[in-house]
Each structure stands twice: as structure tokens, then as C-alpha cells.
Amino acid sequence: AMLIACQILPEDERTHYLKHIKKTHPISLSEELIIEWSINNKKYNMAT
């Protein structure tokens, strides 16, 4: 869910963070697919 939620972060921050997760944590195939999806798909309704 967190990997999906990262989709709303700014592109640079999202990409850096998700690539860091890929390098530093053991991830499953489903998590790898979610990371790639989150990196490549921007959600535009950002708010605090």
C-alpha cells in the first residue's frame, strides 16, 4: 500500500525513494511491479 501511495509524491522524490527501497530491501515480484508502476504513473490530486 505504501509503494502505491508513493505515487502521489513529487516525481524526483518518488523515483529516488522507490529506487532506494529496491536496492535496500528484499522485495517480491509483486512489490517490484508496484514500484515500477508507481514510478511511471503520476497521481495529480496532491494535498497536505
ModelCIF file with pLDDT and N, C-alpha, C, O atoms, coordinates in Angstrom:
data_MODEL
#
_entry.id   MODEL 
#
_entity.id                         1 
_entity.type                       polymer 
_entity.pdbx_number_of_molecules   1 
#
_entity_poly.entity_id                      1 
_entity_poly.type                           'polypeptide(L)' 
_entity_poly.nstd_linkage                   no 
_entity_poly.nstd_monomer                   no 
_entity_poly.pdbx_seq_one_letter_code       AMLIACQILPEDERTHYLKHIKKTHPISLSEELIIEWSINNKKYNMAT 
_entity_poly.pdbx_seq_one_letter_code_can   AMLIACQILPEDERTHYLKHIKKTHPISLSEELIIEWSINNKKYNMAT 
_entity_poly.pdbx_strand_id                 A 
#
loop_
_entity_poly_seq.entity_id 
_entity_poly_seq.num 
_entity_poly_seq.mon_id 
_entity_poly_seq.hetero 
1 1  ALA n 
1 2  MET n 
1 3  LEU n 
1 4  ILE n 
1 5  ALA n 
1 6  CYS n 
1 7  GLN n 
1 8  ILE n 
1 9  LEU n 
1 10 PRO n 
1 11 GLU n 
1 12 ASP n 
1 13 GLU n 
1 14 ARG n 
1 15 THR n 
1 16 HIS n 
1 17 TYR n 
1 18 LEU n 
1 19 LYS n 
1 20 HIS n 
1 21 ILE n 
1 22 LYS n 
1 23 LYS n 
1 24 THR n 
1 25 HIS n 
1 26 PRO n 
1 27 ILE n 
1 28 SER n 
1 29 LEU n 
1 30 SER n 
1 31 GLU n 
1 32 GLU n 
1 33 LEU n 
1 34 ILE n 
1 35 ILE n 
1 36 GLU n 
1 37 TRP n 
1 38 SER n 
1 39 ILE n 
1 40 ASN n 
1 41 ASN n 
1 42 LYS n 
1 43 LYS n 
1 44 TYR n 
1 45 ASN n 
1 46 MET n 
1 47 ALA n 
1 48 THR n 
#
_struct_asym.id          A 
_struct_asym.entity_id   1 
#
loop_
_ma_qa_metric.id 
_ma_qa_metric.mode 
_ma_qa_metric.name 
_ma_qa_metric.software_group_id 
_ma_qa_metric.type 
1 global pLDDT . pLDDT 
2 local  pLDDT . pLDDT 
#
_ma_qa_metric_global.metric_id      1 
_ma_qa_metric_global.metric_value   89.25 
_ma_qa_metric_global.model_id       1 
_ma_qa_metric_global.ordinal_id     1 
#
loop_
_ma_qa_metric_local.label_asym_id 
_ma_qa_metric_local.label_comp_id 
_ma_qa_metric_local.label_seq_id 
_ma_qa_metric_local.metric_id 
_ma_qa_metric_local.metric_value 
_ma_qa_metric_local.model_id 
_ma_qa_metric_local.ordinal_id 
A ALA 1  2 97.00 1 1  
A MET 2  2 97.00 1 2  
A LEU 3  2 97.00 1 3  
A ILE 4  2 96.00 1 4  
A ALA 5  2 96.00 1 5  
A CYS 6  2 96.00 1 6  
A GLN 7  2 94.00 1 7  
A ILE 8  2 94.00 1 8  
A LEU 9  2 94.00 1 9  
A PRO 10 2 94.00 1 10 
A GLU 11 2 93.00 1 11 
A ASP 12 2 94.00 1 12 
A GLU 13 2 95.00 1 13 
A ARG 14 2 95.00 1 14 
A THR 15 2 96.00 1 15 
A HIS 16 2 96.00 1 16 
A TYR 17 2 97.00 1 17 
A LEU 18 2 97.00 1 18 
A LYS 19 2 96.00 1 19 
A HIS 20 2 96.00 1 20 
A ILE 21 2 97.00 1 21 
A LYS 22 2 95.00 1 22 
A LYS 23 2 96.00 1 23 
A THR 24 2 95.00 1 24 
A HIS 25 2 95.00 1 25 
A PRO 26 2 94.00 1 26 
A ILE 27 2 94.00 1 27 
A SER 28 2 95.00 1 28 
A LEU 29 2 96.00 1 29 
A SER 30 2 95.00 1 30 
A GLU 31 2 96.00 1 31 
A GLU 32 2 95.00 1 32 
A LEU 33 2 96.00 1 33 
A ILE 34 2 96.00 1 34 
A ILE 35 2 96.00 1 35 
A GLU 36 2 95.00 1 36 
A TRP 37 2 94.00 1 37 
A SER 38 2 94.00 1 38 
A ILE 39 2 93.00 1 39 
A ASN 40 2 91.00 1 40 
A ASN 41 2 86.00 1 41 
A LYS 42 2 75.00 1 42 
A LYS 43 2 70.00 1 43 
A TYR 44 2 57.00 1 44 
A ASN 45 2 49.00 1 45 
A MET 46 2 47.00 1 46 
A ALA 47 2 48.00 1 47 
A THR 48 2 44.00 1 48 
#
loop_
_atom_site.group_PDB 
_atom_site.id 
_atom_site.type_symbol 
_atom_site.label_atom_id 
_atom_site.label_alt_id 
_atom_site.label_comp_id 
_atom_site.label_asym_id 
_atom_site.label_entity_id 
_atom_site.label_seq_id 
_atom_site.pdbx_PDB_ins_code 
_atom_site.Cartn_x 
_atom_site.Cartn_y 
_atom_site.Cartn_z 
_atom_site.occupancy 
_atom_site.B_iso_or_equiv 
_atom_site.pdbx_formal_charge 
_atom_site.auth_seq_id 
_atom_site.auth_comp_id 
_atom_site.auth_asym_id 
_atom_site.auth_atom_id 
_atom_site.pdbx_PDB_model_num 
ATOM 1   N N  . ALA A 1 1  ? 0.839  -1.206  0.000   1.00 97.00 ? 1  ALA A N  1 
ATOM 2   C CA . ALA A 1 1  ? 0.000  0.000   0.000   1.00 97.00 ? 1  ALA A CA 1 
ATOM 3   C C  . ALA A 1 1  ? 0.872  1.253   0.000   1.00 97.00 ? 1  ALA A C  1 
ATOM 4   O O  . ALA A 1 1  ? 0.574  2.226   -0.693  1.00 97.00 ? 1  ALA A O  1 
ATOM 5   N N  . MET A 1 2  ? 1.951  1.223   0.783   1.00 97.00 ? 2  MET A N  1 
ATOM 6   C CA . MET A 1 2  ? 2.876  2.362   0.832   1.00 97.00 ? 2  MET A CA 1 
ATOM 7   C C  . MET A 1 2  ? 3.529  2.595   -0.530  1.00 97.00 ? 2  MET A C  1 
ATOM 8   O O  . MET A 1 2  ? 3.678  3.739   -0.959  1.00 97.00 ? 2  MET A O  1 
ATOM 9   N N  . LEU A 1 3  ? 3.914  1.526   -1.202  1.00 97.00 ? 3  LEU A N  1 
ATOM 10  C CA . LEU A 1 3  ? 4.524  1.663   -2.525  1.00 97.00 ? 3  LEU A CA 1 
ATOM 11  C C  . LEU A 1 3  ? 3.539  2.287   -3.507  1.00 97.00 ? 3  LEU A C  1 
ATOM 12  O O  . LEU A 1 3  ? 3.929  3.091   -4.353  1.00 97.00 ? 3  LEU A O  1 
ATOM 13  N N  . ILE A 1 4  ? 2.277  1.922   -3.399  1.00 96.00 ? 4  ILE A N  1 
ATOM 14  C CA . ILE A 1 4  ? 1.241  2.536   -4.231  1.00 96.00 ? 4  ILE A CA 1 
ATOM 15  C C  . ILE A 1 4  ? 1.073  4.000   -3.846  1.00 96.00 ? 4  ILE A C  1 
ATOM 16  O O  . ILE A 1 4  ? 0.994  4.866   -4.718  1.00 96.00 ? 4  ILE A O  1 
ATOM 17  N N  . ALA A 1 5  ? 1.018  4.282   -2.549  1.00 96.00 ? 5  ALA A N  1 
ATOM 18  C CA . ALA A 1 5  ? 0.802  5.644   -2.063  1.00 96.00 ? 5  ALA A CA 1 
ATOM 19  C C  . ALA A 1 5  ? 1.921  6.592   -2.480  1.00 96.00 ? 5  ALA A C  1 
ATOM 20  O O  . ALA A 1 5  ? 1.690  7.793   -2.621  1.00 96.00 ? 5  ALA A O  1 
ATOM 21  N N  . CYS A 1 6  ? 3.113  6.079   -2.676  1.00 96.00 ? 6  CYS A N  1 
ATOM 22  C CA . CYS A 1 6  ? 4.233  6.928   -3.109  1.00 96.00 ? 6  CYS A CA 1 
ATOM 23  C C  . CYS A 1 6  ? 3.974  7.572   -4.462  1.00 96.00 ? 6  CYS A C  1 
ATOM 24  O O  . CYS A 1 6  ? 4.657  8.521   -4.847  1.00 96.00 ? 6  CYS A O  1 
ATOM 25  N N  . GLN A 1 7  ? 3.004  7.064   -5.167  1.00 94.00 ? 7  GLN A N  1 
ATOM 26  C CA . GLN A 1 7  ? 2.637  7.622   -6.463  1.00 94.00 ? 7  GLN A CA 1 
ATOM 27  C C  . GLN A 1 7  ? 2.297  9.108   -6.358  1.00 94.00 ? 7  GLN A C  1 
ATOM 28  O O  . GLN A 1 7  ? 2.467  9.841   -7.333  1.00 94.00 ? 7  GLN A O  1 
ATOM 29  N N  . ILE A 1 8  ? 1.825  9.565   -5.213  1.00 94.00 ? 8  ILE A N  1 
ATOM 30  C CA . ILE A 1 8  ? 1.422  10.972  -5.089  1.00 94.00 ? 8  ILE A CA 1 
ATOM 31  C C  . ILE A 1 8  ? 2.579  11.904  -4.733  1.00 94.00 ? 8  ILE A C  1 
ATOM 32  O O  . ILE A 1 8  ? 2.403  13.122  -4.697  1.00 94.00 ? 8  ILE A O  1 
ATOM 33  N N  . LEU A 1 9  ? 3.742  11.350  -4.474  1.00 94.00 ? 9  LEU A N  1 
ATOM 34  C CA . LEU A 1 9  ? 4.903  12.192  -4.165  1.00 94.00 ? 9  LEU A CA 1 
ATOM 35  C C  . LEU A 1 9  ? 5.434  12.851  -5.440  1.00 94.00 ? 9  LEU A C  1 
ATOM 36  O O  . LEU A 1 9  ? 5.213  12.341  -6.539  1.00 94.00 ? 9  LEU A O  1 
ATOM 37  N N  . PRO A 1 10 ? 6.128  13.974  -5.300  1.00 94.00 ? 10 PRO A N  1 
ATOM 38  C CA . PRO A 1 10 ? 6.743  14.590  -6.484  1.00 94.00 ? 10 PRO A CA 1 
ATOM 39  C C  . PRO A 1 10 ? 7.668  13.595  -7.189  1.00 94.00 ? 10 PRO A C  1 
ATOM 40  O O  . PRO A 1 10 ? 8.269  12.736  -6.544  1.00 94.00 ? 10 PRO A O  1 
ATOM 41  N N  . GLU A 1 11 ? 7.777  13.712  -8.480  1.00 93.00 ? 11 GLU A N  1 
ATOM 42  C CA . GLU A 1 11 ? 8.475  12.727  -9.303  1.00 93.00 ? 11 GLU A CA 1 
ATOM 43  C C  . GLU A 1 11 ? 9.892  12.424  -8.826  1.00 93.00 ? 11 GLU A C  1 
ATOM 44  O O  . GLU A 1 11 ? 10.252 11.256  -8.685  1.00 93.00 ? 11 GLU A O  1 
ATOM 45  N N  . ASP A 1 12 ? 10.697 13.443  -8.579  1.00 94.00 ? 12 ASP A N  1 
ATOM 46  C CA . ASP A 1 12 ? 12.080 13.210  -8.154  1.00 94.00 ? 12 ASP A CA 1 
ATOM 47  C C  . ASP A 1 12 ? 12.148 12.458  -6.829  1.00 94.00 ? 12 ASP A C  1 
ATOM 48  O O  . ASP A 1 12 ? 12.909 11.503  -6.680  1.00 94.00 ? 12 ASP A O  1 
ATOM 49  N N  . GLU A 1 13 ? 11.345 12.902  -5.875  1.00 95.00 ? 13 GLU A N  1 
ATOM 50  C CA . GLU A 1 13 ? 11.328 12.258  -4.562  1.00 95.00 ? 13 GLU A CA 1 
ATOM 51  C C  . GLU A 1 13 ? 10.828 10.821  -4.677  1.00 95.00 ? 13 GLU A C  1 
ATOM 52  O O  . GLU A 1 13 ? 11.420 9.909   -4.099  1.00 95.00 ? 13 GLU A O  1 
ATOM 53  N N  . ARG A 1 14 ? 9.750  10.617  -5.413  1.00 95.00 ? 14 ARG A N  1 
ATOM 54  C CA . ARG A 1 14 ? 9.161  9.289   -5.601  1.00 95.00 ? 14 ARG A CA 1 
ATOM 55  C C  . ARG A 1 14 ? 10.167 8.328   -6.232  1.00 95.00 ? 14 ARG A C  1 
ATOM 56  O O  . ARG A 1 14 ? 10.372 7.219   -5.738  1.00 95.00 ? 14 ARG A O  1 
ATOM 57  N N  . THR A 1 15 ? 10.784 8.758   -7.313  1.00 96.00 ? 15 THR A N  1 
ATOM 58  C CA . THR A 1 15 ? 11.729 7.904   -8.030  1.00 96.00 ? 15 THR A CA 1 
ATOM 59  C C  . THR A 1 15 ? 12.922 7.554   -7.150  1.00 96.00 ? 15 THR A C  1 
ATOM 60  O O  . THR A 1 15 ? 13.320 6.391   -7.074  1.00 96.00 ? 15 THR A O  1 
ATOM 61  N N  . HIS A 1 16 ? 13.488 8.548   -6.492  1.00 96.00 ? 16 HIS A N  1 
ATOM 62  C CA . HIS A 1 16 ? 14.647 8.313   -5.619  1.00 96.00 ? 16 HIS A CA 1 
ATOM 63  C C  . HIS A 1 16 ? 14.284 7.345   -4.493  1.00 96.00 ? 16 HIS A C  1 
ATOM 64  O O  . HIS A 1 16 ? 15.015 6.389   -4.234  1.00 96.00 ? 16 HIS A O  1 
ATOM 65  N N  . TYR A 1 17 ? 13.172 7.590   -3.835  1.00 97.00 ? 17 TYR A N  1 
ATOM 66  C CA . TYR A 1 17 ? 12.772 6.757   -2.700  1.00 97.00 ? 17 TYR A CA 1 
ATOM 67  C C  . TYR A 1 17 ? 12.496 5.309   -3.138  1.00 97.00 ? 17 TYR A C  1 
ATOM 68  O O  . TYR A 1 17 ? 12.970 4.369   -2.500  1.00 97.00 ? 17 TYR A O  1 
ATOM 69  N N  . LEU A 1 18 ? 11.746 5.135   -4.201  1.00 97.00 ? 18 LEU A N  1 
ATOM 70  C CA . LEU A 1 18 ? 11.386 3.787   -4.628  1.00 97.00 ? 18 LEU A CA 1 
ATOM 71  C C  . LEU A 1 18 ? 12.602 3.009   -5.137  1.00 97.00 ? 18 LEU A C  1 
ATOM 72  O O  . LEU A 1 18 ? 12.693 1.801   -4.919  1.00 97.00 ? 18 LEU A O  1 
ATOM 73  N N  . LYS A 1 19 ? 13.523 3.676   -5.803  1.00 96.00 ? 19 LYS A N  1 
ATOM 74  C CA . LYS A 1 19 ? 14.755 3.006   -6.224  1.00 96.00 ? 19 LYS A CA 1 
ATOM 75  C C  . LYS A 1 19 ? 15.595 2.621   -5.005  1.00 96.00 ? 19 LYS A C  1 
ATOM 76  O O  . LYS A 1 19 ? 16.238 1.571   -4.988  1.00 96.00 ? 19 LYS A O  1 
ATOM 77  N N  . HIS A 1 20 ? 15.580 3.479   -3.989  1.00 96.00 ? 20 HIS A N  1 
ATOM 78  C CA . HIS A 1 20 ? 16.281 3.173   -2.734  1.00 96.00 ? 20 HIS A CA 1 
ATOM 79  C C  . HIS A 1 20 ? 15.669 1.932   -2.078  1.00 96.00 ? 20 HIS A C  1 
ATOM 80  O O  . HIS A 1 20 ? 16.399 1.060   -1.605  1.00 96.00 ? 20 HIS A O  1 
ATOM 81  N N  . ILE A 1 21 ? 14.351 1.847   -2.048  1.00 97.00 ? 21 ILE A N  1 
ATOM 82  C CA . ILE A 1 21 ? 13.673 0.682   -1.476  1.00 97.00 ? 21 ILE A CA 1 
ATOM 83  C C  . ILE A 1 21 ? 14.088 -0.583  -2.233  1.00 97.00 ? 21 ILE A C  1 
ATOM 84  O O  . ILE A 1 21 ? 14.366 -1.616  -1.625  1.00 97.00 ? 21 ILE A O  1 
ATOM 85  N N  . LYS A 1 22 ? 14.126 -0.492  -3.552  1.00 95.00 ? 22 LYS A N  1 
ATOM 86  C CA . LYS A 1 22 ? 14.512 -1.650  -4.370  1.00 95.00 ? 22 LYS A CA 1 
ATOM 87  C C  . LYS A 1 22 ? 15.923 -2.141  -4.042  1.00 95.00 ? 22 LYS A C  1 
ATOM 88  O O  . LYS A 1 22 ? 16.186 -3.344  -4.030  1.00 95.00 ? 22 LYS A O  1 
ATOM 89  N N  . LYS A 1 23 ? 16.823 -1.198  -3.776  1.00 96.00 ? 23 LYS A N  1 
ATOM 90  C CA . LYS A 1 23 ? 18.224 -1.545  -3.512  1.00 96.00 ? 23 LYS A CA 1 
ATOM 91  C C  . LYS A 1 23 ? 18.460 -2.042  -2.090  1.00 96.00 ? 23 LYS A C  1 
ATOM 92  O O  . LYS A 1 23 ? 19.348 -2.862  -1.860  1.00 96.00 ? 23 LYS A O  1 
ATOM 93  N N  . THR A 1 24 ? 17.679 -1.558  -1.144  1.00 95.00 ? 24 THR A N  1 
ATOM 94  C CA . THR A 1 24 ? 17.994 -1.811  0.262   1.00 95.00 ? 24 THR A CA 1 
ATOM 95  C C  . THR A 1 24 ? 17.072 -2.800  0.961   1.00 95.00 ? 24 THR A C  1 
ATOM 96  O O  . THR A 1 24 ? 17.329 -3.165  2.108   1.00 95.00 ? 24 THR A O  1 
ATOM 97  N N  . HIS A 1 25 ? 16.013 -3.239  0.307   1.00 95.00 ? 25 HIS A N  1 
ATOM 98  C CA . HIS A 1 25 ? 15.067 -4.166  0.930   1.00 95.00 ? 25 HIS A CA 1 
ATOM 99  C C  . HIS A 1 25 ? 14.839 -5.368  0.016   1.00 95.00 ? 25 HIS A C  1 
ATOM 100 O O  . HIS A 1 25 ? 14.802 -5.224  -1.206  1.00 95.00 ? 25 HIS A O  1 
ATOM 101 N N  . PRO A 1 26 ? 14.687 -6.532  0.597   1.00 94.00 ? 26 PRO A N  1 
ATOM 102 C CA . PRO A 1 26 ? 14.279 -7.674  -0.242  1.00 94.00 ? 26 PRO A CA 1 
ATOM 103 C C  . PRO A 1 26 ? 12.828 -7.444  -0.668  1.00 94.00 ? 26 PRO A C  1 
ATOM 104 O O  . PRO A 1 26 ? 11.961 -7.218  0.176   1.00 94.00 ? 26 PRO A O  1 
ATOM 105 N N  . ILE A 1 27 ? 12.565 -7.502  -1.967  1.00 94.00 ? 27 ILE A N  1 
ATOM 106 C CA . ILE A 1 27 ? 11.212 -7.242  -2.440  1.00 94.00 ? 27 ILE A CA 1 
ATOM 107 C C  . ILE A 1 27 ? 10.722 -8.405  -3.294  1.00 94.00 ? 27 ILE A C  1 
ATOM 108 O O  . ILE A 1 27 ? 11.501 -9.080  -3.967  1.00 94.00 ? 27 ILE A O  1 
ATOM 109 N N  . SER A 1 28 ? 9.436  -8.614  -3.247  1.00 95.00 ? 28 SER A N  1 
ATOM 110 C CA . SER A 1 28 ? 8.814  -9.677  -4.029  1.00 95.00 ? 28 SER A CA 1 
ATOM 111 C C  . SER A 1 28 ? 8.582  -9.178  -5.460  1.00 95.00 ? 28 SER A C  1 
ATOM 112 O O  . SER A 1 28 ? 8.751  -7.995  -5.756  1.00 95.00 ? 28 SER A O  1 
ATOM 113 N N  . LEU A 1 29 ? 8.203  -10.081 -6.313  1.00 96.00 ? 29 LEU A N  1 
ATOM 114 C CA . LEU A 1 29 ? 7.874  -9.706  -7.687  1.00 96.00 ? 29 LEU A CA 1 
ATOM 115 C C  . LEU A 1 29 ? 6.721  -8.719  -7.703  1.00 96.00 ? 29 LEU A C  1 
ATOM 116 O O  . LEU A 1 29 ? 6.751  -7.748  -8.459  1.00 96.00 ? 29 LEU A O  1 
ATOM 117 N N  . SER A 1 30 ? 5.711  -8.949  -6.886  1.00 95.00 ? 30 SER A N  1 
ATOM 118 C CA . SER A 1 30 ? 4.577  -8.015  -6.867  1.00 95.00 ? 30 SER A CA 1 
ATOM 119 C C  . SER A 1 30 ? 5.021  -6.627  -6.405  1.00 95.00 ? 30 SER A C  1 
ATOM 120 O O  . SER A 1 30 ? 4.555  -5.623  -6.943  1.00 95.00 ? 30 SER A O  1 
ATOM 121 N N  . GLU A 1 31 ? 5.907  -6.557  -5.424  1.00 96.00 ? 31 GLU A N  1 
ATOM 122 C CA . GLU A 1 31 ? 6.405  -5.260  -4.971  1.00 96.00 ? 31 GLU A CA 1 
ATOM 123 C C  . GLU A 1 31 ? 7.241  -4.584  -6.056  1.00 96.00 ? 31 GLU A C  1 
ATOM 124 O O  . GLU A 1 31 ? 7.176  -3.367  -6.230  1.00 96.00 ? 31 GLU A O  1 
ATOM 125 N N  . GLU A 1 32 ? 8.017  -5.372  -6.774  1.00 95.00 ? 32 GLU A N  1 
ATOM 126 C CA . GLU A 1 32 ? 8.803  -4.801  -7.873  1.00 95.00 ? 32 GLU A CA 1 
ATOM 127 C C  . GLU A 1 32 ? 7.893  -4.215  -8.943  1.00 95.00 ? 32 GLU A C  1 
ATOM 128 O O  . GLU A 1 32 ? 8.166  -3.143  -9.483  1.00 95.00 ? 32 GLU A O  1 
ATOM 129 N N  . LEU A 1 33 ? 6.816  -4.919  -9.244  1.00 96.00 ? 33 LEU A N  1 
ATOM 130 C CA . LEU A 1 33 ? 5.859  -4.412  -10.241 1.00 96.00 ? 33 LEU A CA 1 
ATOM 131 C C  . LEU A 1 33 ? 5.164  -3.148  -9.747  1.00 96.00 ? 33 LEU A C  1 
ATOM 132 O O  . LEU A 1 33 ? 4.955  -2.212  -10.519 1.00 96.00 ? 33 LEU A O  1 
ATOM 133 N N  . ILE A 1 34 ? 4.808  -3.116  -8.474  1.00 96.00 ? 34 ILE A N  1 
ATOM 134 C CA . ILE A 1 34 ? 4.173  -1.922  -7.910  1.00 96.00 ? 34 ILE A CA 1 
ATOM 135 C C  . ILE A 1 34 ? 5.141  -0.740  -7.942  1.00 96.00 ? 34 ILE A C  1 
ATOM 136 O O  . ILE A 1 34 ? 4.739  0.378   -8.263  1.00 96.00 ? 34 ILE A O  1 
ATOM 137 N N  . ILE A 1 35 ? 6.395  -0.974  -7.616  1.00 96.00 ? 35 ILE A N  1 
ATOM 138 C CA . ILE A 1 35 ? 7.405  0.096   -7.661  1.00 96.00 ? 35 ILE A CA 1 
ATOM 139 C C  . ILE A 1 35 ? 7.504  0.665   -9.070  1.00 96.00 ? 35 ILE A C  1 
ATOM 140 O O  . ILE A 1 35 ? 7.479  1.882   -9.251  1.00 96.00 ? 35 ILE A O  1 
ATOM 141 N N  . GLU A 1 36 ? 7.615  -0.196  -10.058 1.00 95.00 ? 36 GLU A N  1 
ATOM 142 C CA . GLU A 1 36 ? 7.705  0.285   -11.446 1.00 95.00 ? 36 GLU A CA 1 
ATOM 143 C C  . GLU A 1 36 ? 6.455  1.053   -11.847 1.00 95.00 ? 36 GLU A C  1 
ATOM 144 O O  . GLU A 1 36 ? 6.540  2.082   -12.517 1.00 95.00 ? 36 GLU A O  1 
ATOM 145 N N  . TRP A 1 37 ? 5.302  0.556   -11.437 1.00 94.00 ? 37 TRP A N  1 
ATOM 146 C CA . TRP A 1 37 ? 4.045  1.249   -11.726 1.00 94.00 ? 37 TRP A CA 1 
ATOM 147 C C  . TRP A 1 37 ? 4.012  2.628   -11.061 1.00 94.00 ? 37 TRP A C  1 
ATOM 148 O O  . TRP A 1 37 ? 3.647  3.618   -11.694 1.00 94.00 ? 37 TRP A O  1 
ATOM 149 N N  . SER A 1 38 ? 4.396  2.687   -9.782  1.00 94.00 ? 38 SER A N  1 
ATOM 150 C CA . SER A 1 38 ? 4.381  3.966   -9.054  1.00 94.00 ? 38 SER A CA 1 
ATOM 151 C C  . SER A 1 38 ? 5.357  4.974   -9.646  1.00 94.00 ? 38 SER A C  1 
ATOM 152 O O  . SER A 1 38 ? 5.066  6.169   -9.700  1.00 94.00 ? 38 SER A O  1 
ATOM 153 N N  . ILE A 1 39 ? 6.507  4.496   -10.088 1.00 93.00 ? 39 ILE A N  1 
ATOM 154 C CA . ILE A 1 39 ? 7.490  5.398   -10.700 1.00 93.00 ? 39 ILE A CA 1 
ATOM 155 C C  . ILE A 1 39 ? 6.942  5.978   -11.999 1.00 93.00 ? 39 ILE A C  1 
ATOM 156 O O  . ILE A 1 39 ? 7.145  7.157   -12.292 1.00 93.00 ? 39 ILE A O  1 
ATOM 157 N N  . ASN A 1 40 ? 6.256  5.163   -12.766 1.00 91.00 ? 40 ASN A N  1 
ATOM 158 C CA . ASN A 1 40 ? 5.829  5.559   -14.106 1.00 91.00 ? 40 ASN A CA 1 
ATOM 159 C C  . ASN A 1 40 ? 4.441  6.172   -14.194 1.00 91.00 ? 40 ASN A C  1 
ATOM 160 O O  . ASN A 1 40 ? 4.043  6.620   -15.270 1.00 91.00 ? 40 ASN A O  1 
ATOM 161 N N  . ASN A 1 41 ? 3.695  6.205   -13.103 1.00 86.00 ? 41 ASN A N  1 
ATOM 162 C CA . ASN A 1 41 ? 2.330  6.736   -13.120 1.00 86.00 ? 41 ASN A CA 1 
ATOM 163 C C  . ASN A 1 41 ? 2.153  7.768   -12.032 1.00 86.00 ? 41 ASN A C  1 
ATOM 164 O O  . ASN A 1 41 ? 2.228  7.453   -10.844 1.00 86.00 ? 41 ASN A O  1 
ATOM 165 N N  . LYS A 1 42 ? 1.919  8.998   -12.437 1.00 75.00 ? 42 LYS A N  1 
ATOM 166 C CA . LYS A 1 42 ? 1.777  10.116  -11.512 1.00 75.00 ? 42 LYS A CA 1 
ATOM 167 C C  . LYS A 1 42 ? 0.320  10.329  -11.163 1.00 75.00 ? 42 LYS A C  1 
ATOM 168 O O  . LYS A 1 42 ? -0.528 10.366  -12.054 1.00 75.00 ? 42 LYS A O  1 
ATOM 169 N N  . LYS A 1 43 ? 0.013  10.470  -9.886  1.00 70.00 ? 43 LYS A N  1 
ATOM 170 C CA . LYS A 1 43 ? -1.333 10.836  -9.455  1.00 70.00 ? 43 LYS A CA 1 
ATOM 171 C C  . LYS A 1 43 ? -1.314 12.321  -9.164  1.00 70.00 ? 43 LYS A C  1 
ATOM 172 O O  . LYS A 1 43 ? -0.417 12.797  -8.468  1.00 70.00 ? 43 LYS A O  1 
ATOM 173 N N  . TYR A 1 44 ? -2.286 13.069  -9.680  1.00 57.00 ? 44 TYR A N  1 
ATOM 174 C CA . TYR A 1 44 ? -2.222 14.518  -9.645  1.00 57.00 ? 44 TYR A CA 1 
ATOM 175 C C  . TYR A 1 44 ? -3.010 15.192  -8.535  1.00 57.00 ? 44 TYR A C  1 
ATOM 176 O O  . TYR A 1 44 ? -2.949 16.416  -8.428  1.00 57.00 ? 44 TYR A O  1 
ATOM 177 N N  . ASN A 1 45 ? -3.739 14.470  -7.711  1.00 49.00 ? 45 ASN A N  1 
ATOM 178 C CA . ASN A 1 45 ? -4.532 15.150  -6.686  1.00 49.00 ? 45 ASN A CA 1 
ATOM 179 C C  . ASN A 1 45 ? -3.777 15.260  -5.363  1.00 49.00 ? 45 ASN A C  1 
ATOM 180 O O  . ASN A 1 45 ? -4.255 14.790  -4.330  1.00 49.00 ? 45 ASN A O  1 
ATOM 181 N N  . MET A 1 46 ? -2.603 15.877  -5.398  1.00 47.00 ? 46 MET A N  1 
ATOM 182 C CA . MET A 1 46 ? -1.790 16.004  -4.200  1.00 47.00 ? 46 MET A CA 1 
ATOM 183 C C  . MET A 1 46 ? -2.345 17.095  -3.281  1.00 47.00 ? 46 MET A C  1 
ATOM 184 O O  . MET A 1 46 ? -2.777 18.147  -3.753  1.00 47.00 ? 46 MET A O  1 
ATOM 185 N N  . ALA A 1 47 ? -2.332 16.846  -1.985  1.00 48.00 ? 47 ALA A N  1 
ATOM 186 C CA . ALA A 1 47 ? -2.750 17.809  -0.977  1.00 48.00 ? 47 ALA A CA 1 
ATOM 187 C C  . ALA A 1 47 ? -2.055 17.445  0.313   1.00 48.00 ? 47 ALA A C  1 
ATOM 188 O O  . ALA A 1 47 ? -1.591 16.318  0.484   1.00 48.00 ? 47 ALA A O  1 
ATOM 189 N N  . THR A 1 48 ? -1.986 18.394  1.215   1.00 44.00 ? 48 THR A N  1 
ATOM 190 C CA . THR A 1 48 ? -1.484 18.076  2.536   1.00 44.00 ? 48 THR A CA 1 
ATOM 191 C C  . THR A 1 48 ? -2.697 17.879  3.432   1.00 44.00 ? 48 THR A C  1 
ATOM 192 O O  . THR A 1 48 ? -2.548 17.596  4.621   1.00 44.00 ? 48 THR A O  1 
#
